[in-house]
């Protein structure tokens, strides 16, 4: 409002005029004062808590008695401070001892690594030795030693070589005998005999030869008589008749002999094929007998493979081998998580592993929750948002415990939890924070990322992100 008596009367800058720079200084001072106020409130809360703790600890003791105790504590502190004059030297000795301890621990770890490597080499050598012994046993067979087995095999090879040579000689001899028989049969056939036996039977002794000579002489005499007859006119007329076809008869006889030889060769070839078929049949029967154990072994391995893959009819739950192993580990995680879930849920919920099949799928990695209020087991999907949060938190803590046990004592010292606390009521939030405090009491660090304002008064050590015009800043509150 203008307070001048004459117009226009623009305002003039006087001492104490508030400009933009003054506003910014005031805003900065306000922000500093606000931070100091907040810090003072936190210190006030800390002092009040300390005062309440001191009052609870002092009980009904009078101020004079407390003053005497304070003087006594001051005297003890002075004595302790005097006794700690050599603390620096002791700390230096302690640092040197810790350094030496670290060196010895490193040396022990290196020795453990070398021992593990040597143990691995020893196991590998033991495996190779066992394999060589088995191979040596197979090579030795039923002999007393490998050398005896080698000598036995060499003798067998010599006998087999001799038998093969004998078989080849016998085969050559049989072939030559067969060729000689063929030539003999052919010679006998050309001589006019049906078989070589008939030709052999036709050989004459001296008496038979003289008889034949006599008959031959008689035949010559008869021939002379016949020639005389042939000179007669009637005989000459008979000679004018057409002669017999000897060429056709000889051709027919030659063709019949050729067919006879072809049939004999075919019969011999058929006999050789029969012998070869008998040999192949015996070999096939032997191969089938050797194949039977292999087929049985293949069937056993195939059944085991389908059982491990979860595709066998014997695997009623269609559970793979890796799912079976993970199910055992999931049972451990569920048991470890239940210890904290019961505390978070005031003893209501218990996690159990379930290997029921889901629809037409496989089974083995399911989780159910047992509600102590109803006495029934149900799916974890039926839990509310807050119940799902602290059930998941219990599972994470149980998994950390199982990993610690399986890793040879290696600890998971730090755990961060992002949001989820807004879905909990006050009682459940207190129980969850009690569980997390029990982890912190065991030298574990637990970090909570949350926008829940109620957590500010429950957690003293805080990192607060504050938004501003120039960006966000990070402020540390409390101790830690």
Protein backbone atom coordinates (compact mmCIF):
# COMPACT_ATOMS: atom_id res chain seq x y z
CA UNK A 1 0.00 0.00 0.00
CA UNK A 2 1.32 3.46 -0.91
CA UNK A 3 1.46 5.83 2.10
CA UNK A 4 2.51 9.01 0.23
CA UNK A 5 0.39 12.22 0.31
CA UNK A 6 1.44 13.21 -3.17
CA UNK A 7 1.38 11.06 -6.29
CA UNK A 8 3.16 9.64 -8.09
CA UNK A 9 5.62 8.73 -5.32
CA UNK A 10 7.67 5.66 -6.38
CA UNK A 11 9.36 3.84 -3.55
CA UNK A 12 13.05 4.40 -3.07
CA UNK A 13 15.63 1.85 -2.00
CA UNK A 14 16.48 2.58 1.60
CA UNK A 15 18.65 0.84 4.15
CA UNK A 16 17.38 -2.63 4.91
CA UNK A 17 15.68 -3.04 1.50
CA UNK A 18 15.03 -6.77 0.73
CA UNK A 19 16.39 -7.76 -2.70
CA UNK A 20 16.78 -11.17 -4.42
CA UNK A 21 20.24 -11.75 -2.97
CA UNK A 22 18.87 -11.11 0.50
CA UNK A 23 16.06 -13.57 -0.22
CA UNK A 24 18.56 -16.23 -1.32
CA UNK A 25 20.70 -15.58 1.79
CA UNK A 26 17.59 -15.90 3.92
CA UNK A 27 16.60 -19.12 2.15
CA UNK A 28 20.09 -20.56 2.66
CA UNK A 29 20.02 -19.50 6.31
CA UNK A 30 16.59 -21.08 6.62
CA UNK A 31 17.80 -24.35 5.12
CA UNK A 32 20.83 -24.37 7.45
CA UNK A 33 18.59 -23.57 10.41
CA UNK A 34 16.18 -26.34 9.33
CA UNK A 35 19.02 -28.84 9.14
CA UNK A 36 20.24 -27.68 12.56
CA UNK A 37 16.71 -28.00 13.91
CA UNK A 38 16.39 -31.52 12.51
CA UNK A 39 19.82 -32.41 13.86
CA UNK A 40 18.88 -30.90 17.22
CA UNK A 41 15.66 -32.93 17.23
CA UNK A 42 17.63 -36.10 16.51
CA UNK A 43 20.14 -35.25 19.25
CA UNK A 44 17.22 -34.42 21.55
CA UNK A 45 15.69 -37.81 20.79
CA UNK A 46 19.03 -39.50 21.40
CA UNK A 47 19.48 -37.57 24.69
CA UNK A 48 15.94 -38.45 25.75
CA UNK A 49 16.57 -42.10 24.98
CA UNK A 50 19.87 -41.90 26.89
CA UNK A 51 18.12 -40.11 29.75
CA UNK A 52 15.40 -42.75 29.81
CA UNK A 53 17.99 -45.51 29.71
CA UNK A 54 20.02 -43.80 32.47
CA UNK A 55 16.89 -43.27 34.55
CA UNK A 56 15.90 -46.90 34.09
CA UNK A 57 19.41 -48.00 34.95
CA UNK A 58 19.72 -45.65 37.99
CA UNK A 59 16.41 -46.77 39.45
CA UNK A 60 15.67 -45.26 42.87
CA UNK A 61 19.28 -44.20 43.67
CA UNK A 62 19.74 -40.68 45.06
CA UNK A 63 21.70 -37.90 43.35
CA UNK A 64 24.37 -37.94 46.04
CA UNK A 65 24.85 -41.64 45.57
CA UNK A 66 25.10 -41.18 41.81
CA UNK A 67 27.62 -38.36 42.30
CA UNK A 68 29.77 -40.61 44.50
CA UNK A 69 29.60 -43.33 41.89
CA UNK A 70 30.53 -40.78 39.19
CA UNK A 71 33.58 -39.67 41.24
CA UNK A 72 34.55 -43.29 41.69
CA UNK A 73 34.22 -43.85 37.94
CA UNK A 74 36.32 -40.73 37.29
CA UNK A 75 39.07 -42.13 39.54
CA UNK A 76 38.88 -45.47 37.73
CA UNK A 77 39.03 -43.67 34.39
CA UNK A 78 42.13 -41.79 35.52
CA UNK A 79 43.78 -45.04 36.58
CA UNK A 80 42.77 -46.70 33.31
CA UNK A 81 44.16 -43.74 31.33
CA UNK A 82 47.42 -43.97 33.24
CA UNK A 83 47.53 -47.70 32.57
CA UNK A 84 46.93 -47.06 28.85
CA UNK A 85 50.06 -44.91 28.50
CA UNK A 86 51.76 -47.88 26.81
CA UNK A 87 48.83 -48.47 24.49
CA UNK A 88 50.64 -47.14 21.40
CA UNK A 89 53.48 -49.62 21.83
CA UNK A 90 51.02 -52.45 22.40
CA UNK A 91 49.05 -51.42 19.32
CA UNK A 92 52.24 -51.39 17.25
CA UNK A 93 53.10 -54.87 18.50
CA UNK A 94 49.52 -55.93 17.78
CA UNK A 95 49.72 -54.59 14.19
CA UNK A 96 52.98 -56.45 13.65
CA UNK A 97 51.42 -59.64 15.06
CA UNK A 98 48.36 -59.19 12.83
CA UNK A 99 50.63 -58.63 9.81
CA UNK A 100 52.54 -61.80 10.63
CA UNK A 101 49.25 -63.62 11.16
CA UNK A 102 48.00 -62.50 7.73
CA UNK A 103 51.26 -63.68 6.14
CA UNK A 104 50.93 -67.06 7.84
CA UNK A 105 47.26 -67.34 6.79
CA UNK A 106 48.26 -66.57 3.18
CA UNK A 107 51.04 -69.16 3.39
CA UNK A 108 48.59 -71.68 4.83
CA UNK A 109 46.11 -70.98 2.02
CA UNK A 110 48.85 -71.44 -0.58
CA UNK A 111 49.85 -74.69 1.12
CA UNK A 112 46.20 -75.78 1.06
CA UNK A 113 46.00 -74.99 -2.68
CA UNK A 114 49.18 -76.97 -3.31
CA UNK A 115 47.87 -79.84 -1.20
CA UNK A 116 44.57 -79.81 -3.13
CA UNK A 117 46.49 -79.80 -6.43
CA UNK A 118 48.65 -82.70 -5.26
CA UNK A 119 45.57 -84.56 -4.06
CA UNK A 120 43.98 -84.05 -7.48
CA UNK A 121 47.15 -85.32 -9.19
CA UNK A 122 47.23 -88.30 -6.86
CA UNK A 123 43.58 -89.12 -7.62
CA UNK A 124 44.27 -88.82 -11.36
CA UNK A 125 47.33 -91.10 -11.03
CA UNK A 126 45.29 -93.55 -8.95
CA UNK A 127 42.60 -93.56 -11.64
CA UNK A 128 45.22 -94.13 -14.36
CA UNK A 129 46.83 -96.90 -12.30
CA UNK A 130 43.44 -98.58 -11.81
CA UNK A 131 42.69 -98.32 -15.55
CA UNK A 132 46.11 -99.76 -16.40
CA UNK A 133 45.63 -102.60 -13.91
CA UNK A 134 42.24 -103.40 -15.46
CA UNK A 135 43.74 -103.30 -18.95
CA UNK A 136 46.60 -105.51 -17.73
CA UNK A 137 44.09 -107.96 -16.24
CA UNK A 138 42.18 -108.09 -19.54
CA UNK A 139 45.44 -108.54 -21.46
CA UNK A 140 46.62 -111.31 -19.10
CA UNK A 141 43.33 -113.24 -19.36
CA UNK A 142 43.55 -116.61 -17.61
CA UNK A 143 47.37 -116.74 -17.85
CA UNK A 144 49.69 -116.21 -14.92
CA UNK A 145 51.38 -113.15 -16.45
CA UNK A 146 51.30 -110.88 -19.48
CA UNK A 147 54.45 -112.56 -20.84
CA UNK A 148 52.82 -115.98 -20.51
CA UNK A 149 49.68 -114.62 -22.19
CA UNK A 150 51.82 -113.16 -25.02
CA UNK A 151 53.65 -116.48 -25.44
CA UNK A 152 50.31 -118.30 -25.44
CA UNK A 153 48.95 -115.93 -28.11
CA UNK A 154 52.13 -116.31 -30.17
CA UNK A 155 51.82 -120.10 -30.05
CA UNK A 156 48.19 -119.83 -31.04
CA UNK A 157 49.12 -117.47 -33.91
CA UNK A 158 51.78 -119.98 -35.10
CA UNK A 159 49.25 -122.82 -34.97
CA UNK A 160 46.67 -120.72 -36.77
CA UNK A 161 49.25 -119.80 -39.43
CA UNK A 162 50.18 -123.46 -39.88
CA UNK A 163 46.53 -124.44 -40.02
CA UNK A 164 45.89 -121.72 -42.62
CA UNK A 165 48.86 -122.95 -44.70
CA UNK A 166 47.62 -126.54 -44.40
CA UNK A 167 44.14 -125.45 -45.39
CA UNK A 168 45.51 -123.61 -48.43
CA UNK A 169 47.62 -126.70 -49.43
CA UNK A 170 44.59 -128.95 -48.96
CA UNK A 171 42.46 -126.56 -51.01
CA UNK A 172 45.09 -126.48 -53.80
CA UNK A 173 45.39 -130.28 -53.70
CA UNK A 174 41.64 -130.67 -53.83
CA UNK A 175 41.49 -128.27 -56.78
CA UNK A 176 44.20 -130.18 -58.62
CA UNK A 177 42.44 -133.46 -57.83
CA UNK A 178 39.22 -131.99 -59.11
CA UNK A 179 40.94 -130.82 -62.33
CA UNK A 180 42.52 -134.27 -62.77
CA UNK A 181 39.13 -135.93 -62.24
CA UNK A 182 37.64 -133.60 -64.84
CA UNK A 183 40.39 -134.38 -67.34
CA UNK A 184 40.06 -138.12 -66.60
CA UNK A 185 36.30 -137.96 -67.05
CA UNK A 186 36.74 -136.06 -70.30
CA UNK A 187 39.34 -138.58 -71.59
CA UNK A 188 37.07 -141.49 -70.62
CA UNK A 189 34.14 -139.83 -72.33
CA UNK A 190 36.16 -139.26 -75.52
CA UNK A 191 37.25 -142.90 -75.35
CA UNK A 192 33.61 -143.94 -75.37
CA UNK A 193 33.11 -144.67 -71.67
CA UNK A 194 30.46 -143.11 -69.50
CA UNK A 195 32.65 -143.00 -66.39
CA UNK A 196 36.37 -143.36 -65.64
CA UNK A 197 35.47 -146.45 -63.61
CA UNK A 198 34.13 -148.08 -66.80
CA UNK A 199 37.34 -147.12 -68.61
CA UNK A 200 39.41 -148.67 -65.80
CA UNK A 201 37.26 -151.76 -65.93
CA UNK A 202 37.89 -151.98 -69.68
CA UNK A 203 41.65 -152.56 -69.24
CA UNK A 204 42.55 -156.10 -70.48
CA UNK A 205 44.95 -158.69 -69.22
CA UNK A 206 47.12 -160.89 -71.54
CA UNK A 207 44.52 -163.62 -71.99
CA UNK A 208 41.83 -161.11 -72.89
CA UNK A 209 44.26 -159.38 -75.22
CA UNK A 210 45.02 -162.68 -77.03
CA UNK A 211 41.29 -163.31 -77.26
CA UNK A 212 40.72 -159.90 -78.77
CA UNK A 213 43.60 -160.46 -81.16
CA UNK A 214 41.99 -163.67 -82.20
CA UNK A 215 38.69 -161.93 -82.70
CA UNK A 216 40.46 -159.18 -84.61
CA UNK A 217 41.97 -161.74 -86.91
CA UNK A 218 38.56 -163.26 -87.32
CA UNK A 219 37.17 -159.79 -88.01
CA UNK A 220 39.85 -159.22 -90.68
CA UNK A 221 38.88 -162.50 -92.31
CA UNK A 222 35.27 -161.50 -92.12
CA UNK A 223 36.15 -158.07 -93.56
CA UNK A 224 37.80 -159.72 -96.54
CA UNK A 225 34.69 -161.77 -97.02
CA UNK A 226 32.54 -158.65 -96.72
CA UNK A 227 34.67 -156.80 -99.25
CA UNK A 228 34.17 -159.66 -101.57
CA UNK A 229 30.47 -159.35 -101.02
CA UNK A 230 30.59 -155.58 -101.60
CA UNK A 231 31.96 -156.11 -105.03
CA UNK A 232 28.79 -157.82 -105.92
CA UNK A 233 26.16 -155.90 -107.97
CA UNK A 234 23.49 -155.89 -105.28
CA UNK A 235 25.84 -154.55 -102.70
CA UNK A 236 27.01 -151.81 -105.09
CA UNK A 237 23.39 -150.80 -105.61
CA UNK A 238 22.88 -150.56 -101.85
CA UNK A 239 25.94 -148.35 -101.61
CA UNK A 240 24.25 -145.83 -103.87
CA UNK A 241 21.79 -145.00 -101.06
CA UNK A 242 22.28 -141.65 -99.06
CA UNK A 243 24.83 -141.94 -96.23
CA UNK A 244 23.98 -141.48 -92.54
CA UNK A 245 24.41 -137.90 -91.00
CA UNK A 246 27.44 -138.52 -88.80
CA UNK A 247 28.19 -134.79 -88.32
CA UNK A 248 24.79 -134.14 -86.80
CA UNK A 249 25.20 -137.12 -84.53
CA UNK A 250 28.66 -135.93 -83.45
CA UNK A 251 27.32 -132.40 -82.88
CA UNK A 252 24.50 -133.78 -80.74
CA UNK A 253 26.97 -135.88 -78.75
CA UNK A 254 29.29 -132.87 -78.25
CA UNK A 255 26.37 -130.70 -77.10
CA UNK A 256 25.29 -133.36 -74.61
CA UNK A 257 28.85 -133.56 -73.24
CA UNK A 258 29.03 -129.79 -72.88
CA UNK A 259 25.72 -129.71 -70.98
CA UNK A 260 27.04 -132.48 -68.75
CA UNK A 261 30.18 -130.50 -67.93
CA UNK A 262 28.14 -127.31 -67.26
CA UNK A 263 25.84 -129.18 -64.90
CA UNK A 264 28.82 -130.65 -63.06
CA UNK A 265 30.38 -127.15 -62.68
CA UNK A 266 27.05 -125.72 -61.48
CA UNK A 267 26.75 -128.53 -58.94
CA UNK A 268 30.28 -127.79 -57.63
CA UNK A 269 29.54 -124.03 -57.45
CA UNK A 270 26.28 -124.71 -55.58
CA UNK A 271 28.18 -126.89 -53.09
CA UNK A 272 30.71 -124.09 -52.50
CA UNK A 273 27.91 -121.57 -52.00
CA UNK A 274 26.18 -123.89 -49.53
CA UNK A 275 29.39 -124.21 -47.54
CA UNK A 276 29.85 -120.41 -47.57
CA UNK A 277 26.23 -119.90 -46.47
CA UNK A 278 26.74 -122.37 -43.62
CA UNK A 279 29.86 -120.45 -42.54
CA UNK A 280 28.05 -117.07 -42.73
CA UNK A 281 25.06 -118.49 -40.83
CA UNK A 282 27.33 -119.70 -38.03
CA UNK A 283 29.08 -116.30 -37.97
CA UNK A 284 25.72 -114.48 -37.85
CA UNK A 285 24.50 -116.70 -34.99
CA UNK A 286 27.72 -116.00 -33.06
CA UNK A 287 27.35 -112.23 -33.71
CA UNK A 288 23.74 -112.32 -32.50
CA UNK A 289 24.81 -114.11 -29.31
CA UNK A 290 27.53 -111.46 -28.74
CA UNK A 291 25.02 -108.68 -29.48
CA UNK A 292 22.49 -109.85 -26.87
CA UNK A 293 24.45 -108.53 -23.80
CA UNK A 294 25.09 -105.26 -25.63
CA UNK A 295 21.39 -104.86 -26.39
CA UNK A 296 20.58 -105.62 -22.75
CA UNK A 297 23.17 -103.03 -21.58
CA UNK A 298 21.78 -100.49 -24.06
CA UNK A 299 18.26 -101.08 -22.79
CA UNK A 300 19.38 -100.59 -19.18
CA UNK A 301 21.28 -97.37 -20.02
CA UNK A 302 18.35 -96.08 -22.12
CA UNK A 303 15.90 -96.74 -19.28
CA UNK A 304 18.21 -94.93 -16.86
CA UNK A 305 18.57 -91.99 -19.28
CA UNK A 306 14.81 -91.61 -19.76
CA UNK A 307 14.30 -91.92 -16.00
CA UNK A 308 16.85 -89.13 -15.37
CA UNK A 309 15.30 -86.98 -18.14
CA UNK A 310 11.80 -87.37 -16.67
CA UNK A 311 10.32 -88.95 -19.81
CA UNK A 312 10.10 -92.54 -18.56
CA UNK A 313 6.79 -94.09 -17.61
CA UNK A 314 8.46 -95.23 -14.36
CA UNK A 315 9.02 -91.56 -13.42
CA UNK A 316 5.48 -90.84 -12.25
CA UNK A 317 6.17 -87.17 -11.41
CA UNK A 318 8.15 -86.53 -14.63
CA UNK A 319 10.92 -85.04 -12.49
CA UNK A 320 14.33 -84.51 -14.08
CA UNK A 321 17.47 -85.50 -12.21
CA UNK A 322 18.59 -81.88 -11.85
CA UNK A 323 15.13 -80.98 -10.53
CA UNK A 324 15.43 -83.83 -8.01
CA UNK A 325 18.79 -82.47 -6.78
CA UNK A 326 17.47 -78.89 -6.66
CA UNK A 327 14.37 -80.11 -4.80
CA UNK A 328 16.60 -81.48 -2.03
CA UNK A 329 18.34 -78.10 -1.81
CA UNK A 330 14.95 -76.31 -1.88
CA UNK A 331 13.86 -78.41 1.11
CA UNK A 332 16.90 -77.11 3.02
CA UNK A 333 16.12 -73.51 2.01
CA UNK A 334 12.46 -73.91 3.03
CA UNK A 335 13.48 -75.37 6.41
CA UNK A 336 15.94 -72.50 7.02
CA UNK A 337 13.37 -69.89 5.88
CA UNK A 338 10.63 -71.33 8.12
CA UNK A 339 12.61 -70.46 11.28
CA UNK A 340 12.34 -66.75 10.42
CA UNK A 341 8.94 -66.87 8.68
CA UNK A 342 7.27 -68.23 11.82
CA UNK A 343 8.76 -65.36 13.81
CA UNK A 344 7.65 -62.76 11.23
CA UNK A 345 4.13 -64.23 11.04
CA UNK A 346 3.79 -64.81 14.81
CA UNK A 347 3.97 -68.56 14.31
CA UNK A 348 1.22 -68.69 11.69
CA UNK A 349 3.02 -69.72 8.48
CA UNK A 350 5.43 -72.55 7.66
CA UNK A 351 7.06 -73.11 4.26
CA UNK A 352 7.19 -76.67 2.92
CA UNK A 353 8.55 -78.11 -0.32
CA UNK A 354 6.04 -79.63 -2.73
CA UNK A 355 6.79 -82.01 -5.60
CA UNK A 356 3.20 -82.10 -6.93
CA UNK A 357 2.82 -81.85 -10.70
CA UNK A 358 1.42 -78.57 -12.01
CA UNK A 359 -1.23 -79.46 -14.59
CA UNK A 360 0.36 -81.60 -17.33
CA UNK A 361 3.85 -80.21 -16.62
CA UNK A 362 6.73 -81.48 -14.52
CA UNK A 363 7.14 -81.40 -10.75
CA UNK A 364 9.83 -81.01 -8.14
CA UNK A 365 10.33 -77.28 -7.44
CA UNK A 366 7.08 -76.16 -5.83
CA UNK A 367 6.54 -74.32 -2.52
CA UNK A 368 3.44 -74.41 -0.33
CA UNK A 369 2.65 -72.59 2.89
CA UNK A 370 1.03 -74.27 5.89
CA UNK A 371 -1.41 -71.96 7.72
CA UNK A 372 -1.47 -72.82 11.43
CA UNK A 373 -4.76 -70.95 11.85
CA UNK A 374 -6.63 -73.20 9.41
CA UNK A 375 -4.37 -76.25 9.58
CA UNK A 376 -4.32 -76.47 5.79
CA UNK A 377 -1.58 -76.40 3.18
CA UNK A 378 -2.07 -73.93 0.31
CA UNK A 379 -0.24 -72.36 -2.59
CA UNK A 380 2.03 -69.35 -1.92
CA UNK A 381 0.10 -67.46 -4.61
CA UNK A 382 -2.80 -67.12 -2.11
CA UNK A 383 -0.71 -64.98 0.27
CA UNK A 384 -1.45 -61.26 0.53
CA UNK A 385 1.04 -58.57 -0.57
CA UNK A 386 2.58 -58.12 2.88
CA UNK A 387 2.65 -61.87 3.53
CA UNK A 388 4.31 -62.44 0.16
CA UNK A 389 6.93 -59.81 1.05
CA UNK A 390 8.03 -61.27 4.36
CA UNK A 391 7.78 -64.84 2.94
CA UNK A 392 10.17 -63.76 0.16
CA UNK A 393 12.41 -62.10 2.74
CA UNK A 394 12.46 -65.29 4.82
CA UNK A 395 13.37 -67.32 1.72
CA UNK A 396 16.23 -64.93 0.90
CA UNK A 397 17.57 -65.22 4.46
CA UNK A 398 17.19 -69.02 4.38
CA UNK A 399 19.03 -69.17 1.04
CA UNK A 400 21.84 -67.07 2.55
CA UNK A 401 22.11 -69.51 5.47
CA UNK A 402 22.22 -72.56 3.16
CA UNK A 403 24.83 -70.93 0.93
CA UNK A 404 26.90 -70.12 4.02
CA UNK A 405 26.73 -73.74 5.19
CA UNK A 406 27.53 -75.15 1.74
CA UNK A 407 30.40 -72.70 1.07
CA UNK A 408 32.49 -73.95 3.97
CA UNK A 409 31.63 -71.13 6.37
CA UNK A 410 31.90 -68.24 3.88
CA UNK A 411 29.44 -65.64 5.18
CA UNK A 412 27.07 -63.36 3.30
CA UNK A 413 27.71 -60.31 5.49
CA UNK A 414 25.60 -57.69 3.63
CA UNK A 415 21.93 -57.77 2.67
CA UNK A 416 19.93 -55.01 0.94
CA UNK A 417 16.12 -54.96 0.95
CA UNK A 418 14.37 -52.67 -1.55
CA UNK A 419 10.82 -51.53 -0.65
CA UNK A 420 7.99 -53.83 0.38
CA UNK A 421 7.67 -52.49 3.95
CA UNK A 422 4.71 -50.29 3.05
CA UNK A 423 2.53 -53.41 2.70
CA UNK A 424 3.08 -54.42 6.37
CA UNK A 425 1.03 -53.43 9.36
CA UNK A 426 2.68 -52.08 12.51
CA UNK A 427 2.84 -55.43 14.34
CA UNK A 428 4.23 -57.30 11.35
CA UNK A 429 6.70 -54.47 10.66
CA UNK A 430 7.99 -54.73 14.25
CA UNK A 431 8.44 -58.49 13.91
CA UNK A 432 10.27 -58.16 10.57
CA UNK A 433 12.56 -55.45 11.99
CA UNK A 434 13.27 -57.66 15.02
CA UNK A 435 14.41 -60.44 12.67
CA UNK A 436 16.63 -57.99 10.75
CA UNK A 437 18.03 -56.66 14.07
CA UNK A 438 18.91 -60.25 15.02
CA UNK A 439 20.92 -60.49 11.78
CA UNK A 440 22.68 -57.21 12.60
CA UNK A 441 23.52 -58.50 16.07
CA UNK A 442 25.39 -61.35 14.35
CA UNK A 443 27.77 -58.87 12.65
CA UNK A 444 25.76 -58.69 9.43
CA UNK A 445 24.98 -55.42 7.65
CA UNK A 446 21.35 -54.94 6.58
CA UNK A 447 20.43 -52.06 4.25
CA UNK A 448 16.79 -50.99 3.77
CA UNK A 449 15.66 -48.89 0.78
CA UNK A 450 12.22 -47.50 1.58
CA UNK A 451 9.90 -44.43 1.44
CA UNK A 452 7.98 -45.49 4.56
CA UNK A 453 8.14 -42.51 6.96
CA UNK A 454 7.58 -44.70 10.02
CA UNK A 455 10.96 -46.35 9.46
CA UNK A 456 12.78 -43.06 10.19
CA UNK A 457 12.17 -43.31 13.92
CA UNK A 458 12.98 -47.02 13.98
CA UNK A 459 16.33 -46.88 12.15
CA UNK A 460 19.01 -44.54 13.52
CA UNK A 461 21.74 -44.83 10.87
CA UNK A 462 20.30 -43.30 7.67
CA UNK A 463 21.37 -41.98 4.28
CA UNK A 464 18.68 -39.48 3.19
CA UNK A 465 18.30 -38.30 -0.42
CA UNK A 466 16.98 -34.69 -0.45
CA UNK A 467 15.68 -33.11 -3.65
CA UNK A 468 16.52 -29.48 -4.44
CA UNK A 469 16.52 -26.93 -7.25
CA UNK A 470 20.05 -27.79 -8.32
CA UNK A 471 19.65 -31.57 -7.93
CA UNK A 472 19.52 -34.17 -5.21
CA UNK A 473 21.96 -34.26 -2.29
CA UNK A 474 22.84 -37.05 0.13
CA UNK A 475 22.74 -36.42 3.88
CA UNK A 476 23.86 -38.79 6.63
CA UNK A 477 21.77 -39.02 9.73
CA UNK A 478 22.40 -40.77 13.00
CA UNK A 479 25.46 -42.86 13.81
CA UNK A 480 26.98 -45.81 12.02
